[in-house]
Amino acid sequence: RGKEKIKRLSKIEDGKLYVVGDNKS
């Protein structure tokens, strides 16, 4: 949404990326 985010790549599914923060809460 127009902003940069920094996250960890958790899964790659069909060429798309699932990203999560290390501090999930």
PDBML (XML) file of the C-alpha atoms, coordinates in Angstrom:
<?xml version="1.0" encoding="UTF-8" ?>
<PDBx:datablock datablockName="MODEL"
   xmlns:PDBx="http://pdbml.pdb.org/schema/pdbx-v50.xsd"
   xmlns:xsi="http://www.w3.org/2001/XMLSchema-instance"
   xsi:schemaLocation="http://pdbml.pdb.org/schema/pdbx-v50.xsd pdbx-v50.xsd">
   <PDBx:atom_siteCategory>
      <PDBx:atom_site id="1">
         <PDBx:B_iso_or_equiv>0.00</PDBx:B_iso_or_equiv>
         <PDBx:Cartn_x>0.000</PDBx:Cartn_x>
         <PDBx:Cartn_y>0.000</PDBx:Cartn_y>
         <PDBx:Cartn_z>0.000</PDBx:Cartn_z>
         <PDBx:auth_asym_id>A</PDBx:auth_asym_id>
         <PDBx:auth_atom_id>CA</PDBx:auth_atom_id>
         <PDBx:auth_comp_id>ARG</PDBx:auth_comp_id>
         <PDBx:auth_seq_id>1</PDBx:auth_seq_id>
         <PDBx:group_PDB>ATOM</PDBx:group_PDB>
         <PDBx:label_alt_id xsi:nil="true" />
         <PDBx:label_asym_id>A</PDBx:label_asym_id>
         <PDBx:label_atom_id>CA</PDBx:label_atom_id>
         <PDBx:label_comp_id>ARG</PDBx:label_comp_id>
         <PDBx:label_entity_id>1</PDBx:label_entity_id>
         <PDBx:label_seq_id>1</PDBx:label_seq_id>
         <PDBx:occupancy>1.00</PDBx:occupancy>
         <PDBx:pdbx_PDB_model_num>1</PDBx:pdbx_PDB_model_num>
         <PDBx:type_symbol>C</PDBx:type_symbol>
      </PDBx:atom_site>
      <PDBx:atom_site id="2">
         <PDBx:B_iso_or_equiv>0.00</PDBx:B_iso_or_equiv>
         <PDBx:Cartn_x>2.720</PDBx:Cartn_x>
         <PDBx:Cartn_y>2.445</PDBx:Cartn_y>
         <PDBx:Cartn_z>-1.013</PDBx:Cartn_z>
         <PDBx:auth_asym_id>A</PDBx:auth_asym_id>
         <PDBx:auth_atom_id>CA</PDBx:auth_atom_id>
         <PDBx:auth_comp_id>GLY</PDBx:auth_comp_id>
         <PDBx:auth_seq_id>2</PDBx:auth_seq_id>
         <PDBx:group_PDB>ATOM</PDBx:group_PDB>
         <PDBx:label_alt_id xsi:nil="true" />
         <PDBx:label_asym_id>A</PDBx:label_asym_id>
         <PDBx:label_atom_id>CA</PDBx:label_atom_id>
         <PDBx:label_comp_id>GLY</PDBx:label_comp_id>
         <PDBx:label_entity_id>1</PDBx:label_entity_id>
         <PDBx:label_seq_id>2</PDBx:label_seq_id>
         <PDBx:occupancy>1.00</PDBx:occupancy>
         <PDBx:pdbx_PDB_model_num>1</PDBx:pdbx_PDB_model_num>
         <PDBx:type_symbol>C</PDBx:type_symbol>
      </PDBx:atom_site>
      <PDBx:atom_site id="3">
         <PDBx:B_iso_or_equiv>0.00</PDBx:B_iso_or_equiv>
         <PDBx:Cartn_x>4.899</PDBx:Cartn_x>
         <PDBx:Cartn_y>1.896</PDBx:Cartn_y>
         <PDBx:Cartn_z>2.066</PDBx:Cartn_z>
         <PDBx:auth_asym_id>A</PDBx:auth_asym_id>
         <PDBx:auth_atom_id>CA</PDBx:auth_atom_id>
         <PDBx:auth_comp_id>LYS</PDBx:auth_comp_id>
         <PDBx:auth_seq_id>3</PDBx:auth_seq_id>
         <PDBx:group_PDB>ATOM</PDBx:group_PDB>
         <PDBx:label_alt_id xsi:nil="true" />
         <PDBx:label_asym_id>A</PDBx:label_asym_id>
         <PDBx:label_atom_id>CA</PDBx:label_atom_id>
         <PDBx:label_comp_id>LYS</PDBx:label_comp_id>
         <PDBx:label_entity_id>1</PDBx:label_entity_id>
         <PDBx:label_seq_id>3</PDBx:label_seq_id>
         <PDBx:occupancy>1.00</PDBx:occupancy>
         <PDBx:pdbx_PDB_model_num>1</PDBx:pdbx_PDB_model_num>
         <PDBx:type_symbol>C</PDBx:type_symbol>
      </PDBx:atom_site>
      <PDBx:atom_site id="4">
         <PDBx:B_iso_or_equiv>0.00</PDBx:B_iso_or_equiv>
         <PDBx:Cartn_x>8.003</PDBx:Cartn_x>
         <PDBx:Cartn_y>-0.198</PDBx:Cartn_y>
         <PDBx:Cartn_z>2.518</PDBx:Cartn_z>
         <PDBx:auth_asym_id>A</PDBx:auth_asym_id>
         <PDBx:auth_atom_id>CA</PDBx:auth_atom_id>
         <PDBx:auth_comp_id>GLU</PDBx:auth_comp_id>
         <PDBx:auth_seq_id>4</PDBx:auth_seq_id>
         <PDBx:group_PDB>ATOM</PDBx:group_PDB>
         <PDBx:label_alt_id xsi:nil="true" />
         <PDBx:label_asym_id>A</PDBx:label_asym_id>
         <PDBx:label_atom_id>CA</PDBx:label_atom_id>
         <PDBx:label_comp_id>GLU</PDBx:label_comp_id>
         <PDBx:label_entity_id>1</PDBx:label_entity_id>
         <PDBx:label_seq_id>4</PDBx:label_seq_id>
         <PDBx:occupancy>1.00</PDBx:occupancy>
         <PDBx:pdbx_PDB_model_num>1</PDBx:pdbx_PDB_model_num>
         <PDBx:type_symbol>C</PDBx:type_symbol>
      </PDBx:atom_site>
      <PDBx:atom_site id="5">
         <PDBx:B_iso_or_equiv>0.00</PDBx:B_iso_or_equiv>
         <PDBx:Cartn_x>7.827</PDBx:Cartn_x>
         <PDBx:Cartn_y>-3.009</PDBx:Cartn_y>
         <PDBx:Cartn_z>5.054</PDBx:Cartn_z>
         <PDBx:auth_asym_id>A</PDBx:auth_asym_id>
         <PDBx:auth_atom_id>CA</PDBx:auth_atom_id>
         <PDBx:auth_comp_id>LYS</PDBx:auth_comp_id>
         <PDBx:auth_seq_id>5</PDBx:auth_seq_id>
         <PDBx:group_PDB>ATOM</PDBx:group_PDB>
         <PDBx:label_alt_id xsi:nil="true" />
         <PDBx:label_asym_id>A</PDBx:label_asym_id>
         <PDBx:label_atom_id>CA</PDBx:label_atom_id>
         <PDBx:label_comp_id>LYS</PDBx:label_comp_id>
         <PDBx:label_entity_id>1</PDBx:label_entity_id>
         <PDBx:label_seq_id>5</PDBx:label_seq_id>
         <PDBx:occupancy>1.00</PDBx:occupancy>
         <PDBx:pdbx_PDB_model_num>1</PDBx:pdbx_PDB_model_num>
         <PDBx:type_symbol>C</PDBx:type_symbol>
      </PDBx:atom_site>
      <PDBx:atom_site id="6">
         <PDBx:B_iso_or_equiv>0.00</PDBx:B_iso_or_equiv>
         <PDBx:Cartn_x>10.498</PDBx:Cartn_x>
         <PDBx:Cartn_y>-5.370</PDBx:Cartn_y>
         <PDBx:Cartn_z>6.361</PDBx:Cartn_z>
         <PDBx:auth_asym_id>A</PDBx:auth_asym_id>
         <PDBx:auth_atom_id>CA</PDBx:auth_atom_id>
         <PDBx:auth_comp_id>ILE</PDBx:auth_comp_id>
         <PDBx:auth_seq_id>6</PDBx:auth_seq_id>
         <PDBx:group_PDB>ATOM</PDBx:group_PDB>
         <PDBx:label_alt_id xsi:nil="true" />
         <PDBx:label_asym_id>A</PDBx:label_asym_id>
         <PDBx:label_atom_id>CA</PDBx:label_atom_id>
         <PDBx:label_comp_id>ILE</PDBx:label_comp_id>
         <PDBx:label_entity_id>1</PDBx:label_entity_id>
         <PDBx:label_seq_id>6</PDBx:label_seq_id>
         <PDBx:occupancy>1.00</PDBx:occupancy>
         <PDBx:pdbx_PDB_model_num>1</PDBx:pdbx_PDB_model_num>
         <PDBx:type_symbol>C</PDBx:type_symbol>
      </PDBx:atom_site>
      <PDBx:atom_site id="7">
         <PDBx:B_iso_or_equiv>0.00</PDBx:B_iso_or_equiv>
         <PDBx:Cartn_x>9.422</PDBx:Cartn_x>
         <PDBx:Cartn_y>-8.939</PDBx:Cartn_y>
         <PDBx:Cartn_z>7.151</PDBx:Cartn_z>
         <PDBx:auth_asym_id>A</PDBx:auth_asym_id>
         <PDBx:auth_atom_id>CA</PDBx:auth_atom_id>
         <PDBx:auth_comp_id>LYS</PDBx:auth_comp_id>
         <PDBx:auth_seq_id>7</PDBx:auth_seq_id>
         <PDBx:group_PDB>ATOM</PDBx:group_PDB>
         <PDBx:label_alt_id xsi:nil="true" />
         <PDBx:label_asym_id>A</PDBx:label_asym_id>
         <PDBx:label_atom_id>CA</PDBx:label_atom_id>
         <PDBx:label_comp_id>LYS</PDBx:label_comp_id>
         <PDBx:label_entity_id>1</PDBx:label_entity_id>
         <PDBx:label_seq_id>7</PDBx:label_seq_id>
         <PDBx:occupancy>1.00</PDBx:occupancy>
         <PDBx:pdbx_PDB_model_num>1</PDBx:pdbx_PDB_model_num>
         <PDBx:type_symbol>C</PDBx:type_symbol>
      </PDBx:atom_site>
      <PDBx:atom_site id="8">
         <PDBx:B_iso_or_equiv>0.00</PDBx:B_iso_or_equiv>
         <PDBx:Cartn_x>10.691</PDBx:Cartn_x>
         <PDBx:Cartn_y>-12.513</PDBx:Cartn_y>
         <PDBx:Cartn_z>7.062</PDBx:Cartn_z>
         <PDBx:auth_asym_id>A</PDBx:auth_asym_id>
         <PDBx:auth_atom_id>CA</PDBx:auth_atom_id>
         <PDBx:auth_comp_id>ARG</PDBx:auth_comp_id>
         <PDBx:auth_seq_id>8</PDBx:auth_seq_id>
         <PDBx:group_PDB>ATOM</PDBx:group_PDB>
         <PDBx:label_alt_id xsi:nil="true" />
         <PDBx:label_asym_id>A</PDBx:label_asym_id>
         <PDBx:label_atom_id>CA</PDBx:label_atom_id>
         <PDBx:label_comp_id>ARG</PDBx:label_comp_id>
         <PDBx:label_entity_id>1</PDBx:label_entity_id>
         <PDBx:label_seq_id>8</PDBx:label_seq_id>
         <PDBx:occupancy>1.00</PDBx:occupancy>
         <PDBx:pdbx_PDB_model_num>1</PDBx:pdbx_PDB_model_num>
         <PDBx:type_symbol>C</PDBx:type_symbol>
      </PDBx:atom_site>
      <PDBx:atom_site id="9">
         <PDBx:B_iso_or_equiv>0.00</PDBx:B_iso_or_equiv>
         <PDBx:Cartn_x>9.788</PDBx:Cartn_x>
         <PDBx:Cartn_y>-14.738</PDBx:Cartn_y>
         <PDBx:Cartn_z>4.131</PDBx:Cartn_z>
         <PDBx:auth_asym_id>A</PDBx:auth_asym_id>
         <PDBx:auth_atom_id>CA</PDBx:auth_atom_id>
         <PDBx:auth_comp_id>LEU</PDBx:auth_comp_id>
         <PDBx:auth_seq_id>9</PDBx:auth_seq_id>
         <PDBx:group_PDB>ATOM</PDBx:group_PDB>
         <PDBx:label_alt_id xsi:nil="true" />
         <PDBx:label_asym_id>A</PDBx:label_asym_id>
         <PDBx:label_atom_id>CA</PDBx:label_atom_id>
         <PDBx:label_comp_id>LEU</PDBx:label_comp_id>
         <PDBx:label_entity_id>1</PDBx:label_entity_id>
         <PDBx:label_seq_id>9</PDBx:label_seq_id>
         <PDBx:occupancy>1.00</PDBx:occupancy>
         <PDBx:pdbx_PDB_model_num>1</PDBx:pdbx_PDB_model_num>
         <PDBx:type_symbol>C</PDBx:type_symbol>
      </PDBx:atom_site>
      <PDBx:atom_site id="10">
         <PDBx:B_iso_or_equiv>0.00</PDBx:B_iso_or_equiv>
         <PDBx:Cartn_x>7.888</PDBx:Cartn_x>
         <PDBx:Cartn_y>-17.676</PDBx:Cartn_y>
         <PDBx:Cartn_z>5.619</PDBx:Cartn_z>
         <PDBx:auth_asym_id>A</PDBx:auth_asym_id>
         <PDBx:auth_atom_id>CA</PDBx:auth_atom_id>
         <PDBx:auth_comp_id>SER</PDBx:auth_comp_id>
         <PDBx:auth_seq_id>10</PDBx:auth_seq_id>
         <PDBx:group_PDB>ATOM</PDBx:group_PDB>
         <PDBx:label_alt_id xsi:nil="true" />
         <PDBx:label_asym_id>A</PDBx:label_asym_id>
         <PDBx:label_atom_id>CA</PDBx:label_atom_id>
         <PDBx:label_comp_id>SER</PDBx:label_comp_id>
         <PDBx:label_entity_id>1</PDBx:label_entity_id>
         <PDBx:label_seq_id>10</PDBx:label_seq_id>
         <PDBx:occupancy>1.00</PDBx:occupancy>
         <PDBx:pdbx_PDB_model_num>1</PDBx:pdbx_PDB_model_num>
         <PDBx:type_symbol>C</PDBx:type_symbol>
      </PDBx:atom_site>
      <PDBx:atom_site id="11">
         <PDBx:B_iso_or_equiv>0.00</PDBx:B_iso_or_equiv>
         <PDBx:Cartn_x>6.489</PDBx:Cartn_x>
         <PDBx:Cartn_y>-19.508</PDBx:Cartn_y>
         <PDBx:Cartn_z>2.565</PDBx:Cartn_z>
         <PDBx:auth_asym_id>A</PDBx:auth_asym_id>
         <PDBx:auth_atom_id>CA</PDBx:auth_atom_id>
         <PDBx:auth_comp_id>LYS</PDBx:auth_comp_id>
         <PDBx:auth_seq_id>11</PDBx:auth_seq_id>
         <PDBx:group_PDB>ATOM</PDBx:group_PDB>
         <PDBx:label_alt_id xsi:nil="true" />
         <PDBx:label_asym_id>A</PDBx:label_asym_id>
         <PDBx:label_atom_id>CA</PDBx:label_atom_id>
         <PDBx:label_comp_id>LYS</PDBx:label_comp_id>
         <PDBx:label_entity_id>1</PDBx:label_entity_id>
         <PDBx:label_seq_id>11</PDBx:label_seq_id>
         <PDBx:occupancy>1.00</PDBx:occupancy>
         <PDBx:pdbx_PDB_model_num>1</PDBx:pdbx_PDB_model_num>
         <PDBx:type_symbol>C</PDBx:type_symbol>
      </PDBx:atom_site>
      <PDBx:atom_site id="12">
         <PDBx:B_iso_or_equiv>0.00</PDBx:B_iso_or_equiv>
         <PDBx:Cartn_x>6.609</PDBx:Cartn_x>
         <PDBx:Cartn_y>-19.369</PDBx:Cartn_y>
         <PDBx:Cartn_z>-1.205</PDBx:Cartn_z>
         <PDBx:auth_asym_id>A</PDBx:auth_asym_id>
         <PDBx:auth_atom_id>CA</PDBx:auth_atom_id>
         <PDBx:auth_comp_id>ILE</PDBx:auth_comp_id>
         <PDBx:auth_seq_id>12</PDBx:auth_seq_id>
         <PDBx:group_PDB>ATOM</PDBx:group_PDB>
         <PDBx:label_alt_id xsi:nil="true" />
         <PDBx:label_asym_id>A</PDBx:label_asym_id>
         <PDBx:label_atom_id>CA</PDBx:label_atom_id>
         <PDBx:label_comp_id>ILE</PDBx:label_comp_id>
         <PDBx:label_entity_id>1</PDBx:label_entity_id>
         <PDBx:label_seq_id>12</PDBx:label_seq_id>
         <PDBx:occupancy>1.00</PDBx:occupancy>
         <PDBx:pdbx_PDB_model_num>1</PDBx:pdbx_PDB_model_num>
         <PDBx:type_symbol>C</PDBx:type_symbol>
      </PDBx:atom_site>
      <PDBx:atom_site id="13">
         <PDBx:B_iso_or_equiv>0.00</PDBx:B_iso_or_equiv>
         <PDBx:Cartn_x>3.371</PDBx:Cartn_x>
         <PDBx:Cartn_y>-20.553</PDBx:Cartn_y>
         <PDBx:Cartn_z>-2.815</PDBx:Cartn_z>
         <PDBx:auth_asym_id>A</PDBx:auth_asym_id>
         <PDBx:auth_atom_id>CA</PDBx:auth_atom_id>
         <PDBx:auth_comp_id>GLU</PDBx:auth_comp_id>
         <PDBx:auth_seq_id>13</PDBx:auth_seq_id>
         <PDBx:group_PDB>ATOM</PDBx:group_PDB>
         <PDBx:label_alt_id xsi:nil="true" />
         <PDBx:label_asym_id>A</PDBx:label_asym_id>
         <PDBx:label_atom_id>CA</PDBx:label_atom_id>
         <PDBx:label_comp_id>GLU</PDBx:label_comp_id>
         <PDBx:label_entity_id>1</PDBx:label_entity_id>
         <PDBx:label_seq_id>13</PDBx:label_seq_id>
         <PDBx:occupancy>1.00</PDBx:occupancy>
         <PDBx:pdbx_PDB_model_num>1</PDBx:pdbx_PDB_model_num>
         <PDBx:type_symbol>C</PDBx:type_symbol>
      </PDBx:atom_site>
      <PDBx:atom_site id="14">
         <PDBx:B_iso_or_equiv>0.00</PDBx:B_iso_or_equiv>
         <PDBx:Cartn_x>2.888</PDBx:Cartn_x>
         <PDBx:Cartn_y>-20.528</PDBx:Cartn_y>
         <PDBx:Cartn_z>-6.595</PDBx:Cartn_z>
         <PDBx:auth_asym_id>A</PDBx:auth_asym_id>
         <PDBx:auth_atom_id>CA</PDBx:auth_atom_id>
         <PDBx:auth_comp_id>ASP</PDBx:auth_comp_id>
         <PDBx:auth_seq_id>14</PDBx:auth_seq_id>
         <PDBx:group_PDB>ATOM</PDBx:group_PDB>
         <PDBx:label_alt_id xsi:nil="true" />
         <PDBx:label_asym_id>A</PDBx:label_asym_id>
         <PDBx:label_atom_id>CA</PDBx:label_atom_id>
         <PDBx:label_comp_id>ASP</PDBx:label_comp_id>
         <PDBx:label_entity_id>1</PDBx:label_entity_id>
         <PDBx:label_seq_id>14</PDBx:label_seq_id>
         <PDBx:occupancy>1.00</PDBx:occupancy>
         <PDBx:pdbx_PDB_model_num>1</PDBx:pdbx_PDB_model_num>
         <PDBx:type_symbol>C</PDBx:type_symbol>
      </PDBx:atom_site>
      <PDBx:atom_site id="15">
         <PDBx:B_iso_or_equiv>0.00</PDBx:B_iso_or_equiv>
         <PDBx:Cartn_x>5.333</PDBx:Cartn_x>
         <PDBx:Cartn_y>-17.640</PDBx:Cartn_y>
         <PDBx:Cartn_z>-7.020</PDBx:Cartn_z>
         <PDBx:auth_asym_id>A</PDBx:auth_asym_id>
         <PDBx:auth_atom_id>CA</PDBx:auth_atom_id>
         <PDBx:auth_comp_id>GLY</PDBx:auth_comp_id>
         <PDBx:auth_seq_id>15</PDBx:auth_seq_id>
         <PDBx:group_PDB>ATOM</PDBx:group_PDB>
         <PDBx:label_alt_id xsi:nil="true" />
         <PDBx:label_asym_id>A</PDBx:label_asym_id>
         <PDBx:label_atom_id>CA</PDBx:label_atom_id>
         <PDBx:label_comp_id>GLY</PDBx:label_comp_id>
         <PDBx:label_entity_id>1</PDBx:label_entity_id>
         <PDBx:label_seq_id>15</PDBx:label_seq_id>
         <PDBx:occupancy>1.00</PDBx:occupancy>
         <PDBx:pdbx_PDB_model_num>1</PDBx:pdbx_PDB_model_num>
         <PDBx:type_symbol>C</PDBx:type_symbol>
      </PDBx:atom_site>
      <PDBx:atom_site id="16">
         <PDBx:B_iso_or_equiv>0.00</PDBx:B_iso_or_equiv>
         <PDBx:Cartn_x>3.728</PDBx:Cartn_x>
         <PDBx:Cartn_y>-15.561</PDBx:Cartn_y>
         <PDBx:Cartn_z>-4.274</PDBx:Cartn_z>
         <PDBx:auth_asym_id>A</PDBx:auth_asym_id>
         <PDBx:auth_atom_id>CA</PDBx:auth_atom_id>
         <PDBx:auth_comp_id>LYS</PDBx:auth_comp_id>
         <PDBx:auth_seq_id>16</PDBx:auth_seq_id>
         <PDBx:group_PDB>ATOM</PDBx:group_PDB>
         <PDBx:label_alt_id xsi:nil="true" />
         <PDBx:label_asym_id>A</PDBx:label_asym_id>
         <PDBx:label_atom_id>CA</PDBx:label_atom_id>
         <PDBx:label_comp_id>LYS</PDBx:label_comp_id>
         <PDBx:label_entity_id>1</PDBx:label_entity_id>
         <PDBx:label_seq_id>16</PDBx:label_seq_id>
         <PDBx:occupancy>1.00</PDBx:occupancy>
         <PDBx:pdbx_PDB_model_num>1</PDBx:pdbx_PDB_model_num>
         <PDBx:type_symbol>C</PDBx:type_symbol>
      </PDBx:atom_site>
      <PDBx:atom_site id="17">
         <PDBx:B_iso_or_equiv>0.00</PDBx:B_iso_or_equiv>
         <PDBx:Cartn_x>5.270</PDBx:Cartn_x>
         <PDBx:Cartn_y>-14.805</PDBx:Cartn_y>
         <PDBx:Cartn_z>-0.903</PDBx:Cartn_z>
         <PDBx:auth_asym_id>A</PDBx:auth_asym_id>
         <PDBx:auth_atom_id>CA</PDBx:auth_atom_id>
         <PDBx:auth_comp_id>LEU</PDBx:auth_comp_id>
         <PDBx:auth_seq_id>17</PDBx:auth_seq_id>
         <PDBx:group_PDB>ATOM</PDBx:group_PDB>
         <PDBx:label_alt_id xsi:nil="true" />
         <PDBx:label_asym_id>A</PDBx:label_asym_id>
         <PDBx:label_atom_id>CA</PDBx:label_atom_id>
         <PDBx:label_comp_id>LEU</PDBx:label_comp_id>
         <PDBx:label_entity_id>1</PDBx:label_entity_id>
         <PDBx:label_seq_id>17</PDBx:label_seq_id>
         <PDBx:occupancy>1.00</PDBx:occupancy>
         <PDBx:pdbx_PDB_model_num>1</PDBx:pdbx_PDB_model_num>
         <PDBx:type_symbol>C</PDBx:type_symbol>
      </PDBx:atom_site>
      <PDBx:atom_site id="18">
         <PDBx:B_iso_or_equiv>0.00</PDBx:B_iso_or_equiv>
         <PDBx:Cartn_x>3.923</PDBx:Cartn_x>
         <PDBx:Cartn_y>-15.229</PDBx:Cartn_y>
         <PDBx:Cartn_z>2.622</PDBx:Cartn_z>
         <PDBx:auth_asym_id>A</PDBx:auth_asym_id>
         <PDBx:auth_atom_id>CA</PDBx:auth_atom_id>
         <PDBx:auth_comp_id>TYR</PDBx:auth_comp_id>
         <PDBx:auth_seq_id>18</PDBx:auth_seq_id>
         <PDBx:group_PDB>ATOM</PDBx:group_PDB>
         <PDBx:label_alt_id xsi:nil="true" />
         <PDBx:label_asym_id>A</PDBx:label_asym_id>
         <PDBx:label_atom_id>CA</PDBx:label_atom_id>
         <PDBx:label_comp_id>TYR</PDBx:label_comp_id>
         <PDBx:label_entity_id>1</PDBx:label_entity_id>
         <PDBx:label_seq_id>18</PDBx:label_seq_id>
         <PDBx:occupancy>1.00</PDBx:occupancy>
         <PDBx:pdbx_PDB_model_num>1</PDBx:pdbx_PDB_model_num>
         <PDBx:type_symbol>C</PDBx:type_symbol>
      </PDBx:atom_site>
      <PDBx:atom_site id="19">
         <PDBx:B_iso_or_equiv>0.00</PDBx:B_iso_or_equiv>
         <PDBx:Cartn_x>5.748</PDBx:Cartn_x>
         <PDBx:Cartn_y>-12.867</PDBx:Cartn_y>
         <PDBx:Cartn_z>4.980</PDBx:Cartn_z>
         <PDBx:auth_asym_id>A</PDBx:auth_asym_id>
         <PDBx:auth_atom_id>CA</PDBx:auth_atom_id>
         <PDBx:auth_comp_id>VAL</PDBx:auth_comp_id>
         <PDBx:auth_seq_id>19</PDBx:auth_seq_id>
         <PDBx:group_PDB>ATOM</PDBx:group_PDB>
         <PDBx:label_alt_id xsi:nil="true" />
         <PDBx:label_asym_id>A</PDBx:label_asym_id>
         <PDBx:label_atom_id>CA</PDBx:label_atom_id>
         <PDBx:label_comp_id>VAL</PDBx:label_comp_id>
         <PDBx:label_entity_id>1</PDBx:label_entity_id>
         <PDBx:label_seq_id>19</PDBx:label_seq_id>
         <PDBx:occupancy>1.00</PDBx:occupancy>
         <PDBx:pdbx_PDB_model_num>1</PDBx:pdbx_PDB_model_num>
         <PDBx:type_symbol>C</PDBx:type_symbol>
      </PDBx:atom_site>
      <PDBx:atom_site id="20">
         <PDBx:B_iso_or_equiv>0.00</PDBx:B_iso_or_equiv>
         <PDBx:Cartn_x>5.625</PDBx:Cartn_x>
         <PDBx:Cartn_y>-12.532</PDBx:Cartn_y>
         <PDBx:Cartn_z>8.769</PDBx:Cartn_z>
         <PDBx:auth_asym_id>A</PDBx:auth_asym_id>
         <PDBx:auth_atom_id>CA</PDBx:auth_atom_id>
         <PDBx:auth_comp_id>VAL</PDBx:auth_comp_id>
         <PDBx:auth_seq_id>20</PDBx:auth_seq_id>
         <PDBx:group_PDB>ATOM</PDBx:group_PDB>
         <PDBx:label_alt_id xsi:nil="true" />
         <PDBx:label_asym_id>A</PDBx:label_asym_id>
         <PDBx:label_atom_id>CA</PDBx:label_atom_id>
         <PDBx:label_comp_id>VAL</PDBx:label_comp_id>
         <PDBx:label_entity_id>1</PDBx:label_entity_id>
         <PDBx:label_seq_id>20</PDBx:label_seq_id>
         <PDBx:occupancy>1.00</PDBx:occupancy>
         <PDBx:pdbx_PDB_model_num>1</PDBx:pdbx_PDB_model_num>
         <PDBx:type_symbol>C</PDBx:type_symbol>
      </PDBx:atom_site>
      <PDBx:atom_site id="21">
         <PDBx:B_iso_or_equiv>0.00</PDBx:B_iso_or_equiv>
         <PDBx:Cartn_x>7.209</PDBx:Cartn_x>
         <PDBx:Cartn_y>-10.380</PDBx:Cartn_y>
         <PDBx:Cartn_z>11.424</PDBx:Cartn_z>
         <PDBx:auth_asym_id>A</PDBx:auth_asym_id>
         <PDBx:auth_atom_id>CA</PDBx:auth_atom_id>
         <PDBx:auth_comp_id>GLY</PDBx:auth_comp_id>
         <PDBx:auth_seq_id>21</PDBx:auth_seq_id>
         <PDBx:group_PDB>ATOM</PDBx:group_PDB>
         <PDBx:label_alt_id xsi:nil="true" />
         <PDBx:label_asym_id>A</PDBx:label_asym_id>
         <PDBx:label_atom_id>CA</PDBx:label_atom_id>
         <PDBx:label_comp_id>GLY</PDBx:label_comp_id>
         <PDBx:label_entity_id>1</PDBx:label_entity_id>
         <PDBx:label_seq_id>21</PDBx:label_seq_id>
         <PDBx:occupancy>1.00</PDBx:occupancy>
         <PDBx:pdbx_PDB_model_num>1</PDBx:pdbx_PDB_model_num>
         <PDBx:type_symbol>C</PDBx:type_symbol>
      </PDBx:atom_site>
      <PDBx:atom_site id="22">
         <PDBx:B_iso_or_equiv>0.00</PDBx:B_iso_or_equiv>
         <PDBx:Cartn_x>9.428</PDBx:Cartn_x>
         <PDBx:Cartn_y>-12.106</PDBx:Cartn_y>
         <PDBx:Cartn_z>13.977</PDBx:Cartn_z>
         <PDBx:auth_asym_id>A</PDBx:auth_asym_id>
         <PDBx:auth_atom_id>CA</PDBx:auth_atom_id>
         <PDBx:auth_comp_id>ASP</PDBx:auth_comp_id>
         <PDBx:auth_seq_id>22</PDBx:auth_seq_id>
         <PDBx:group_PDB>ATOM</PDBx:group_PDB>
         <PDBx:label_alt_id xsi:nil="true" />
         <PDBx:label_asym_id>A</PDBx:label_asym_id>
         <PDBx:label_atom_id>CA</PDBx:label_atom_id>
         <PDBx:label_comp_id>ASP</PDBx:label_comp_id>
         <PDBx:label_entity_id>1</PDBx:label_entity_id>
         <PDBx:label_seq_id>22</PDBx:label_seq_id>
         <PDBx:occupancy>1.00</PDBx:occupancy>
         <PDBx:pdbx_PDB_model_num>1</PDBx:pdbx_PDB_model_num>
         <PDBx:type_symbol>C</PDBx:type_symbol>
      </PDBx:atom_site>
      <PDBx:atom_site id="23">
         <PDBx:B_iso_or_equiv>0.00</PDBx:B_iso_or_equiv>
         <PDBx:Cartn_x>7.360</PDBx:Cartn_x>
         <PDBx:Cartn_y>-10.478</PDBx:Cartn_y>
         <PDBx:Cartn_z>16.740</PDBx:Cartn_z>
         <PDBx:auth_asym_id>A</PDBx:auth_asym_id>
         <PDBx:auth_atom_id>CA</PDBx:auth_atom_id>
         <PDBx:auth_comp_id>ASN</PDBx:auth_comp_id>
         <PDBx:auth_seq_id>23</PDBx:auth_seq_id>
         <PDBx:group_PDB>ATOM</PDBx:group_PDB>
         <PDBx:label_alt_id xsi:nil="true" />
         <PDBx:label_asym_id>A</PDBx:label_asym_id>
         <PDBx:label_atom_id>CA</PDBx:label_atom_id>
         <PDBx:label_comp_id>ASN</PDBx:label_comp_id>
         <PDBx:label_entity_id>1</PDBx:label_entity_id>
         <PDBx:label_seq_id>23</PDBx:label_seq_id>
         <PDBx:occupancy>1.00</PDBx:occupancy>
         <PDBx:pdbx_PDB_model_num>1</PDBx:pdbx_PDB_model_num>
         <PDBx:type_symbol>C</PDBx:type_symbol>
      </PDBx:atom_site>
      <PDBx:atom_site id="24">
         <PDBx:B_iso_or_equiv>0.00</PDBx:B_iso_or_equiv>
         <PDBx:Cartn_x>3.969</PDBx:Cartn_x>
         <PDBx:Cartn_y>-11.784</PDBx:Cartn_y>
         <PDBx:Cartn_z>15.648</PDBx:Cartn_z>
         <PDBx:auth_asym_id>A</PDBx:auth_asym_id>
         <PDBx:auth_atom_id>CA</PDBx:auth_atom_id>
         <PDBx:auth_comp_id>LYS</PDBx:auth_comp_id>
         <PDBx:auth_seq_id>24</PDBx:auth_seq_id>
         <PDBx:group_PDB>ATOM</PDBx:group_PDB>
         <PDBx:label_alt_id xsi:nil="true" />
         <PDBx:label_asym_id>A</PDBx:label_asym_id>
         <PDBx:label_atom_id>CA</PDBx:label_atom_id>
         <PDBx:label_comp_id>LYS</PDBx:label_comp_id>
         <PDBx:label_entity_id>1</PDBx:label_entity_id>
         <PDBx:label_seq_id>24</PDBx:label_seq_id>
         <PDBx:occupancy>1.00</PDBx:occupancy>
         <PDBx:pdbx_PDB_model_num>1</PDBx:pdbx_PDB_model_num>
         <PDBx:type_symbol>C</PDBx:type_symbol>
      </PDBx:atom_site>
      <PDBx:atom_site id="25">
         <PDBx:B_iso_or_equiv>0.00</PDBx:B_iso_or_equiv>
         <PDBx:Cartn_x>2.032</PDBx:Cartn_x>
         <PDBx:Cartn_y>-9.966</PDBx:Cartn_y>
         <PDBx:Cartn_z>18.383</PDBx:Cartn_z>
         <PDBx:auth_asym_id>A</PDBx:auth_asym_id>
         <PDBx:auth_atom_id>CA</PDBx:auth_atom_id>
         <PDBx:auth_comp_id>SER</PDBx:auth_comp_id>
         <PDBx:auth_seq_id>25</PDBx:auth_seq_id>
         <PDBx:group_PDB>ATOM</PDBx:group_PDB>
         <PDBx:label_alt_id xsi:nil="true" />
         <PDBx:label_asym_id>A</PDBx:label_asym_id>
         <PDBx:label_atom_id>CA</PDBx:label_atom_id>
         <PDBx:label_comp_id>SER</PDBx:label_comp_id>
         <PDBx:label_entity_id>1</PDBx:label_entity_id>
         <PDBx:label_seq_id>25</PDBx:label_seq_id>
         <PDBx:occupancy>1.00</PDBx:occupancy>
         <PDBx:pdbx_PDB_model_num>1</PDBx:pdbx_PDB_model_num>
         <PDBx:type_symbol>C</PDBx:type_symbol>
      </PDBx:atom_site>
   </PDBx:atom_siteCategory>
</PDBx:datablock>
